[in-house]
Amino acid sequence: MQVGRLDLLRHLFSDVLIPPAVYAELCELEWQKTALEAQAWIVVRAPLRQELIRRFDGDLDPGEAEAIALALEVQPQFLLMDEQRGRHRADELGLPVVGLLGVLIRAKKEGLIDAVRPVMEELVAQAAFRIHPALYQTVLIQAGET
């Protein structure tokens, strides 16, 4: 996670697979690369079926295309994706999608964090994460923080 909370993913999901394009995106900042490399439970895995990736050319960015292709191959519990185009395409393909905010809600419900609000504020301030005001309020309601 962009605010140093990779531990939440480890506690919520037994395995985390990421495709090479997503890994490359996450490693653009040296501190993120160091954090990822320290996590043995995060596995970089390329999709085997390249035709699936080509199917999304022009519609999705490389990270989204590879993530969806990999998810179609391994049928994960969830596909973690925040970009609207990618989420829409994954939904069309019947993949279960959860976004970062959904992970935060789940983490709070499982007692891994005390509150969602401060983490969302940190995402907005430090990682330029955009959250529509209506979604922000919905997340707070679902997390029981209103």
N, C-alpha and C. Protein backbone atom coordinates (compact mmCIF):
# COMPACT_ATOMS: atom_id res chain seq x y z
N MET A 1 0.84 -1.18 0.00
CA MET A 1 0.00 0.00 0.00
C MET A 1 0.88 1.23 0.00
N GLN A 2 0.36 2.28 -0.52
CA GLN A 2 1.16 3.47 -0.74
C GLN A 2 1.46 4.26 0.53
N VAL A 3 0.91 3.86 1.64
CA VAL A 3 1.19 4.57 2.89
C VAL A 3 1.78 3.62 3.93
N GLY A 4 2.52 2.64 3.45
CA GLY A 4 3.23 1.75 4.35
C GLY A 4 2.37 0.77 5.12
N ARG A 5 1.28 0.31 4.54
CA ARG A 5 0.39 -0.62 5.23
C ARG A 5 0.25 -1.94 4.49
N LEU A 6 1.34 -2.41 3.90
CA LEU A 6 1.32 -3.71 3.23
C LEU A 6 0.93 -4.82 4.19
N ASP A 7 1.19 -4.62 5.48
CA ASP A 7 0.86 -5.62 6.47
C ASP A 7 -0.62 -5.98 6.46
N LEU A 8 -1.47 -5.03 6.09
CA LEU A 8 -2.91 -5.32 6.04
C LEU A 8 -3.21 -6.39 5.01
N LEU A 9 -2.57 -6.30 3.84
CA LEU A 9 -2.80 -7.31 2.81
C LEU A 9 -2.35 -8.68 3.29
N ARG A 10 -1.24 -8.72 3.98
CA ARG A 10 -0.73 -10.00 4.47
C ARG A 10 -1.70 -10.64 5.45
N HIS A 11 -2.30 -9.84 6.30
CA HIS A 11 -3.22 -10.38 7.30
C HIS A 11 -4.58 -10.74 6.71
N LEU A 12 -4.98 -10.06 5.65
CA LEU A 12 -6.30 -10.31 5.07
C LEU A 12 -6.31 -11.40 4.00
N PHE A 13 -5.21 -11.56 3.31
CA PHE A 13 -5.15 -12.50 2.19
C PHE A 13 -3.95 -13.42 2.35
N SER A 14 -4.14 -14.69 2.13
CA SER A 14 -3.04 -15.64 2.33
C SER A 14 -1.94 -15.46 1.30
N ASP A 15 -2.31 -15.21 0.06
CA ASP A 15 -1.33 -15.01 -1.00
C ASP A 15 -1.67 -13.74 -1.76
N VAL A 16 -0.63 -13.04 -2.18
CA VAL A 16 -0.84 -11.86 -3.02
C VAL A 16 0.03 -12.06 -4.26
N LEU A 17 -0.63 -12.18 -5.40
CA LEU A 17 0.06 -12.29 -6.68
C LEU A 17 -0.04 -10.96 -7.40
N ILE A 18 1.07 -10.50 -7.96
CA ILE A 18 1.02 -9.30 -8.78
C ILE A 18 1.75 -9.58 -10.09
N PRO A 19 1.21 -9.07 -11.17
CA PRO A 19 1.88 -9.26 -12.46
C PRO A 19 3.06 -8.31 -12.61
N PRO A 20 3.98 -8.60 -13.52
CA PRO A 20 5.17 -7.78 -13.70
C PRO A 20 4.90 -6.29 -13.95
N ALA A 21 3.87 -5.97 -14.71
CA ALA A 21 3.59 -4.56 -15.00
C ALA A 21 3.19 -3.81 -13.72
N VAL A 22 2.45 -4.45 -12.85
CA VAL A 22 2.07 -3.83 -11.58
C VAL A 22 3.30 -3.68 -10.70
N TYR A 23 4.13 -4.71 -10.66
CA TYR A 23 5.37 -4.64 -9.88
C TYR A 23 6.22 -3.47 -10.36
N ALA A 24 6.34 -3.31 -11.67
CA ALA A 24 7.14 -2.20 -12.22
C ALA A 24 6.56 -0.85 -11.80
N GLU A 25 5.23 -0.73 -11.84
CA GLU A 25 4.59 0.52 -11.41
C GLU A 25 4.88 0.80 -9.94
N LEU A 26 4.78 -0.23 -9.12
CA LEU A 26 4.98 -0.06 -7.68
C LEU A 26 6.43 0.23 -7.33
N CYS A 27 7.34 -0.20 -8.19
CA CYS A 27 8.77 -0.02 -7.90
C CYS A 27 9.34 1.28 -8.46
N GLU A 28 8.49 2.16 -8.97
CA GLU A 28 8.97 3.44 -9.48
C GLU A 28 9.64 4.26 -8.39
N LEU A 29 9.16 4.13 -7.17
CA LEU A 29 9.78 4.80 -6.03
C LEU A 29 10.64 3.79 -5.29
N GLU A 30 11.86 4.15 -4.98
CA GLU A 30 12.81 3.21 -4.37
C GLU A 30 12.31 2.63 -3.06
N TRP A 31 11.67 3.46 -2.22
CA TRP A 31 11.19 2.95 -0.94
C TRP A 31 10.11 1.90 -1.12
N GLN A 32 9.28 2.06 -2.17
CA GLN A 32 8.25 1.06 -2.44
C GLN A 32 8.88 -0.24 -2.92
N LYS A 33 9.91 -0.12 -3.75
CA LYS A 33 10.60 -1.32 -4.24
C LYS A 33 11.21 -2.08 -3.08
N THR A 34 11.86 -1.37 -2.18
CA THR A 34 12.47 -2.00 -1.01
C THR A 34 11.41 -2.68 -0.15
N ALA A 35 10.28 -2.01 0.04
CA ALA A 35 9.20 -2.58 0.86
C ALA A 35 8.64 -3.84 0.21
N LEU A 36 8.44 -3.81 -1.10
CA LEU A 36 7.91 -4.98 -1.80
C LEU A 36 8.88 -6.15 -1.75
N GLU A 37 10.14 -5.88 -1.97
CA GLU A 37 11.13 -6.96 -2.00
C GLU A 37 11.29 -7.62 -0.64
N ALA A 38 10.93 -6.93 0.42
CA ALA A 38 11.04 -7.49 1.76
C ALA A 38 9.86 -8.40 2.10
N GLN A 39 8.88 -8.46 1.24
CA GLN A 39 7.66 -9.23 1.50
C GLN A 39 7.68 -10.53 0.70
N ALA A 40 8.10 -11.61 1.31
CA ALA A 40 8.18 -12.89 0.61
C ALA A 40 6.81 -13.41 0.22
N TRP A 41 5.76 -12.95 0.84
CA TRP A 41 4.40 -13.43 0.57
C TRP A 41 3.78 -12.74 -0.65
N ILE A 42 4.45 -11.72 -1.19
CA ILE A 42 4.00 -11.10 -2.43
C ILE A 42 4.79 -11.74 -3.56
N VAL A 43 4.07 -12.37 -4.47
CA VAL A 43 4.71 -13.12 -5.55
C VAL A 43 4.42 -12.43 -6.88
N VAL A 44 5.48 -12.16 -7.62
CA VAL A 44 5.33 -11.60 -8.96
C VAL A 44 5.15 -12.78 -9.91
N ARG A 45 4.06 -12.75 -10.64
CA ARG A 45 3.76 -13.86 -11.57
C ARG A 45 3.16 -13.30 -12.85
N ALA A 46 3.75 -13.67 -13.94
CA ALA A 46 3.26 -13.22 -15.25
C ALA A 46 2.09 -14.10 -15.69
N PRO A 47 1.10 -13.50 -16.31
CA PRO A 47 0.02 -14.31 -16.88
C PRO A 47 0.59 -15.21 -17.97
N LEU A 48 0.11 -16.42 -18.03
CA LEU A 48 0.60 -17.37 -19.03
C LEU A 48 -0.02 -17.11 -20.41
N ARG A 49 -1.24 -16.64 -20.42
CA ARG A 49 -1.96 -16.46 -21.68
C ARG A 49 -1.86 -15.01 -22.16
N GLN A 50 -0.86 -14.77 -22.98
CA GLN A 50 -0.61 -13.42 -23.49
C GLN A 50 -1.76 -12.89 -24.33
N GLU A 51 -2.53 -13.77 -24.93
CA GLU A 51 -3.65 -13.31 -25.75
C GLU A 51 -4.69 -12.58 -24.91
N LEU A 52 -4.77 -12.93 -23.63
CA LEU A 52 -5.70 -12.22 -22.75
C LEU A 52 -5.25 -10.77 -22.57
N ILE A 53 -3.95 -10.58 -22.45
CA ILE A 53 -3.43 -9.22 -22.28
C ILE A 53 -3.69 -8.41 -23.55
N ARG A 54 -3.41 -9.00 -24.69
CA ARG A 54 -3.64 -8.30 -25.97
C ARG A 54 -5.11 -7.95 -26.16
N ARG A 55 -5.98 -8.75 -25.60
CA ARG A 55 -7.42 -8.51 -25.71
C ARG A 55 -7.82 -7.16 -25.11
N PHE A 56 -7.02 -6.68 -24.15
CA PHE A 56 -7.33 -5.42 -23.47
C PHE A 56 -6.52 -4.24 -23.99
N ASP A 57 -5.66 -4.46 -25.00
CA ASP A 57 -4.83 -3.38 -25.55
C ASP A 57 -5.68 -2.18 -25.94
N GLY A 58 -5.22 -1.02 -25.55
CA GLY A 58 -5.90 0.22 -25.89
C GLY A 58 -7.04 0.55 -24.94
N ASP A 59 -7.55 -0.44 -24.24
CA ASP A 59 -8.66 -0.23 -23.33
C ASP A 59 -8.17 -0.02 -21.89
N LEU A 60 -7.14 -0.77 -21.52
CA LEU A 60 -6.61 -0.72 -20.15
C LEU A 60 -5.12 -0.47 -20.17
N ASP A 61 -4.59 0.05 -19.07
CA ASP A 61 -3.14 0.20 -19.01
C ASP A 61 -2.51 -1.18 -18.79
N PRO A 62 -1.20 -1.31 -19.02
CA PRO A 62 -0.57 -2.64 -18.93
C PRO A 62 -0.76 -3.33 -17.58
N GLY A 63 -0.69 -2.59 -16.49
CA GLY A 63 -0.88 -3.21 -15.18
C GLY A 63 -2.28 -3.78 -15.00
N GLU A 64 -3.28 -3.02 -15.41
CA GLU A 64 -4.66 -3.51 -15.31
C GLU A 64 -4.87 -4.72 -16.20
N ALA A 65 -4.35 -4.66 -17.44
CA ALA A 65 -4.52 -5.76 -18.38
C ALA A 65 -3.88 -7.04 -17.84
N GLU A 66 -2.65 -6.93 -17.34
CA GLU A 66 -1.98 -8.11 -16.79
C GLU A 66 -2.68 -8.63 -15.54
N ALA A 67 -3.14 -7.74 -14.70
CA ALA A 67 -3.82 -8.16 -13.47
C ALA A 67 -5.10 -8.92 -13.79
N ILE A 68 -5.87 -8.43 -14.73
CA ILE A 68 -7.11 -9.11 -15.10
C ILE A 68 -6.80 -10.44 -15.77
N ALA A 69 -5.81 -10.47 -16.64
CA ALA A 69 -5.43 -11.73 -17.30
C ALA A 69 -4.98 -12.76 -16.26
N LEU A 70 -4.17 -12.34 -15.30
CA LEU A 70 -3.71 -13.25 -14.26
C LEU A 70 -4.89 -13.73 -13.41
N ALA A 71 -5.80 -12.82 -13.09
CA ALA A 71 -6.97 -13.20 -12.29
C ALA A 71 -7.85 -14.20 -13.04
N LEU A 72 -7.98 -14.05 -14.34
CA LEU A 72 -8.76 -15.01 -15.12
C LEU A 72 -8.11 -16.40 -15.07
N GLU A 73 -6.80 -16.43 -14.99
CA GLU A 73 -6.09 -17.72 -14.93
C GLU A 73 -6.19 -18.38 -13.56
N VAL A 74 -6.01 -17.60 -12.50
CA VAL A 74 -5.90 -18.21 -11.17
C VAL A 74 -7.20 -18.16 -10.36
N GLN A 75 -8.19 -17.39 -10.82
CA GLN A 75 -9.47 -17.25 -10.12
C GLN A 75 -9.27 -16.95 -8.63
N PRO A 76 -8.75 -15.76 -8.32
CA PRO A 76 -8.46 -15.42 -6.93
C PRO A 76 -9.72 -15.13 -6.12
N GLN A 77 -9.53 -15.07 -4.82
CA GLN A 77 -10.63 -14.68 -3.94
C GLN A 77 -11.09 -13.27 -4.31
N PHE A 78 -10.13 -12.36 -4.56
CA PHE A 78 -10.42 -10.99 -4.96
C PHE A 78 -9.35 -10.50 -5.91
N LEU A 79 -9.73 -9.59 -6.77
CA LEU A 79 -8.80 -8.83 -7.59
C LEU A 79 -8.77 -7.43 -6.99
N LEU A 80 -7.62 -7.01 -6.53
CA LEU A 80 -7.48 -5.68 -5.93
C LEU A 80 -7.22 -4.68 -7.05
N MET A 81 -8.18 -3.79 -7.27
CA MET A 81 -8.05 -2.82 -8.35
C MET A 81 -8.89 -1.59 -8.02
N ASP A 82 -8.29 -0.42 -8.24
CA ASP A 82 -9.00 0.83 -7.97
C ASP A 82 -9.40 1.59 -9.22
N GLU A 83 -8.69 1.40 -10.32
CA GLU A 83 -9.01 2.15 -11.54
C GLU A 83 -10.38 1.74 -12.07
N GLN A 84 -11.20 2.74 -12.36
CA GLN A 84 -12.59 2.50 -12.76
C GLN A 84 -12.71 1.64 -14.02
N ARG A 85 -11.91 1.93 -15.04
CA ARG A 85 -12.00 1.13 -16.28
C ARG A 85 -11.68 -0.33 -16.02
N GLY A 86 -10.63 -0.57 -15.25
CA GLY A 86 -10.25 -1.94 -14.93
C GLY A 86 -11.29 -2.65 -14.09
N ARG A 87 -11.85 -1.94 -13.12
CA ARG A 87 -12.90 -2.53 -12.28
C ARG A 87 -14.11 -2.90 -13.12
N HIS A 88 -14.48 -2.01 -14.02
CA HIS A 88 -15.64 -2.26 -14.88
C HIS A 88 -15.41 -3.50 -15.74
N ARG A 89 -14.21 -3.59 -16.34
CA ARG A 89 -13.89 -4.73 -17.20
C ARG A 89 -13.86 -6.03 -16.38
N ALA A 90 -13.27 -5.99 -15.20
CA ALA A 90 -13.23 -7.17 -14.34
C ALA A 90 -14.64 -7.61 -13.95
N ASP A 91 -15.50 -6.65 -13.63
CA ASP A 91 -16.89 -6.97 -13.31
C ASP A 91 -17.57 -7.66 -14.49
N GLU A 92 -17.36 -7.13 -15.69
CA GLU A 92 -17.94 -7.73 -16.90
C GLU A 92 -17.51 -9.19 -17.07
N LEU A 93 -16.29 -9.48 -16.65
CA LEU A 93 -15.74 -10.83 -16.80
C LEU A 93 -16.05 -11.72 -15.60
N GLY A 94 -16.80 -11.20 -14.64
CA GLY A 94 -17.22 -11.99 -13.50
C GLY A 94 -16.16 -12.17 -12.42
N LEU A 95 -15.16 -11.30 -12.42
CA LEU A 95 -14.11 -11.39 -11.41
C LEU A 95 -14.53 -10.61 -10.16
N PRO A 96 -14.29 -11.17 -8.98
CA PRO A 96 -14.61 -10.44 -7.75
C PRO A 96 -13.57 -9.34 -7.52
N VAL A 97 -14.03 -8.11 -7.47
CA VAL A 97 -13.12 -6.97 -7.36
C VAL A 97 -13.31 -6.28 -6.01
N VAL A 98 -12.20 -5.91 -5.41
CA VAL A 98 -12.22 -5.09 -4.21
C VAL A 98 -11.19 -3.98 -4.42
N GLY A 99 -11.52 -2.81 -3.94
CA GLY A 99 -10.59 -1.70 -4.04
C GLY A 99 -9.86 -1.49 -2.73
N LEU A 100 -8.95 -0.58 -2.73
CA LEU A 100 -8.17 -0.29 -1.54
C LEU A 100 -9.06 0.13 -0.37
N LEU A 101 -10.10 0.89 -0.66
CA LEU A 101 -10.99 1.32 0.41
C LEU A 101 -11.76 0.14 0.99
N GLY A 102 -12.11 -0.82 0.14
CA GLY A 102 -12.74 -2.05 0.63
C GLY A 102 -11.81 -2.84 1.52
N VAL A 103 -10.53 -2.84 1.19
CA VAL A 103 -9.53 -3.51 2.04
C VAL A 103 -9.49 -2.83 3.41
N LEU A 104 -9.54 -1.50 3.41
CA LEU A 104 -9.51 -0.78 4.69
C LEU A 104 -10.74 -1.09 5.55
N ILE A 105 -11.91 -1.16 4.92
CA ILE A 105 -13.13 -1.49 5.67
C ILE A 105 -12.99 -2.89 6.28
N ARG A 106 -12.52 -3.82 5.48
CA ARG A 106 -12.35 -5.19 5.96
C ARG A 106 -11.32 -5.24 7.10
N ALA A 107 -10.23 -4.48 6.93
CA ALA A 107 -9.19 -4.45 7.97
C ALA A 107 -9.75 -3.91 9.29
N LYS A 108 -10.60 -2.91 9.21
CA LYS A 108 -11.20 -2.38 10.44
C LYS A 108 -12.13 -3.41 11.08
N LYS A 109 -12.95 -4.04 10.25
CA LYS A 109 -13.90 -5.03 10.77
C LYS A 109 -13.18 -6.22 11.42
N GLU A 110 -11.97 -6.51 10.94
CA GLU A 110 -11.21 -7.62 11.50
C GLU A 110 -10.25 -7.17 12.61
N GLY A 111 -10.34 -5.88 12.99
CA GLY A 111 -9.56 -5.37 14.11
C GLY A 111 -8.09 -5.11 13.80
N LEU A 112 -7.75 -5.00 12.53
CA LEU A 112 -6.36 -4.75 12.14
C LEU A 112 -6.00 -3.27 12.20
N ILE A 113 -7.00 -2.42 12.07
CA ILE A 113 -6.80 -0.97 12.24
C ILE A 113 -7.93 -0.46 13.12
N ASP A 114 -7.65 0.63 13.83
CA ASP A 114 -8.66 1.21 14.71
C ASP A 114 -9.68 2.04 13.95
N ALA A 115 -9.22 2.70 12.89
CA ALA A 115 -10.09 3.60 12.15
C ALA A 115 -9.65 3.68 10.69
N VAL A 116 -10.63 3.84 9.82
CA VAL A 116 -10.38 3.96 8.38
C VAL A 116 -10.05 5.41 8.01
N ARG A 117 -10.71 6.36 8.66
CA ARG A 117 -10.55 7.77 8.32
C ARG A 117 -9.09 8.23 8.26
N PRO A 118 -8.28 7.97 9.28
CA PRO A 118 -6.89 8.47 9.22
C PRO A 118 -6.09 7.85 8.06
N VAL A 119 -6.38 6.61 7.74
CA VAL A 119 -5.66 5.98 6.62
C VAL A 119 -6.10 6.61 5.30
N MET A 120 -7.40 6.87 5.17
CA MET A 120 -7.87 7.55 3.95
C MET A 120 -7.26 8.94 3.84
N GLU A 121 -7.20 9.67 4.95
CA GLU A 121 -6.61 11.00 4.93
C GLU A 121 -5.13 10.94 4.52
N GLU A 122 -4.45 9.92 5.01
CA GLU A 122 -3.04 9.72 4.66
C GLU A 122 -2.89 9.39 3.17
N LEU A 123 -3.78 8.56 2.65
CA LEU A 123 -3.75 8.23 1.22
C LEU A 123 -3.94 9.48 0.37
N VAL A 124 -4.87 10.32 0.75
CA VAL A 124 -5.14 11.54 0.00
C VAL A 124 -3.95 12.50 0.09
N ALA A 125 -3.42 12.68 1.29
CA ALA A 125 -2.35 13.66 1.50
C ALA A 125 -1.00 13.20 0.96
N GLN A 126 -0.67 11.94 1.17
CA GLN A 126 0.68 11.48 0.84
C GLN A 126 0.78 10.76 -0.50
N ALA A 127 -0.29 10.13 -0.93
CA ALA A 127 -0.22 9.32 -2.14
C ALA A 127 -1.07 9.87 -3.27
N ALA A 128 -1.63 11.05 -3.09
CA ALA A 128 -2.48 11.68 -4.10
C ALA A 128 -3.61 10.74 -4.55
N PHE A 129 -4.10 9.95 -3.63
CA PHE A 129 -5.22 9.04 -3.89
C PHE A 129 -6.48 9.88 -3.92
N ARG A 130 -7.26 9.74 -4.97
CA ARG A 130 -8.49 10.54 -5.09
C ARG A 130 -9.69 9.74 -4.64
N ILE A 131 -10.47 10.36 -3.75
CA ILE A 131 -11.68 9.72 -3.25
C ILE A 131 -12.83 10.71 -3.41
N HIS A 132 -13.83 10.35 -4.18
CA HIS A 132 -15.00 11.21 -4.35
C HIS A 132 -15.65 11.42 -2.98
N PRO A 133 -16.10 12.63 -2.68
CA PRO A 133 -16.70 12.90 -1.37
C PRO A 133 -17.83 11.94 -0.99
N ALA A 134 -18.66 11.56 -1.95
CA ALA A 134 -19.75 10.64 -1.64
C ALA A 134 -19.19 9.26 -1.27
N LEU A 135 -18.16 8.81 -1.96
CA LEU A 135 -17.54 7.54 -1.65
C LEU A 135 -16.86 7.60 -0.28
N TYR A 136 -16.21 8.71 0.00
CA TYR A 136 -15.57 8.91 1.31
C TYR A 136 -16.59 8.70 2.42
N GLN A 137 -17.76 9.32 2.28
CA GLN A 137 -18.81 9.19 3.30
C GLN A 137 -19.34 7.76 3.37
N THR A 138 -19.51 7.12 2.22
CA THR A 138 -19.99 5.73 2.19
C THR A 138 -19.02 4.82 2.92
N VAL A 139 -17.73 5.01 2.71
CA VAL A 139 -16.72 4.19 3.37
C VAL A 139 -16.79 4.41 4.89
N LEU A 140 -16.92 5.65 5.31
CA LEU A 140 -17.02 5.94 6.75
C LEU A 140 -18.25 5.27 7.36
N ILE A 141 -19.36 5.30 6.63
CA ILE A 141 -20.58 4.66 7.12
C ILE A 141 -20.37 3.15 7.24
N GLN A 142 -19.80 2.54 6.19
CA GLN A 142 -19.58 1.10 6.21
C GLN A 142 -18.59 0.69 7.30
N ALA A 143 -17.67 1.60 7.62
CA ALA A 143 -16.68 1.31 8.67
C ALA A 143 -17.21 1.67 10.06
N GLY A 144 -18.43 2.23 10.12
CA GLY A 144 -19.01 2.61 11.42
C GLY A 144 -18.34 3.81 12.04
N GLU A 145 -17.91 4.75 11.19
CA GLU A 145 -17.19 5.92 11.70
C GLU A 145 -17.94 7.22 11.47
N THR A 146 -19.24 7.19 11.47
CA THR A 146 -19.99 8.44 11.30
C THR A 146 -20.79 8.75 12.54
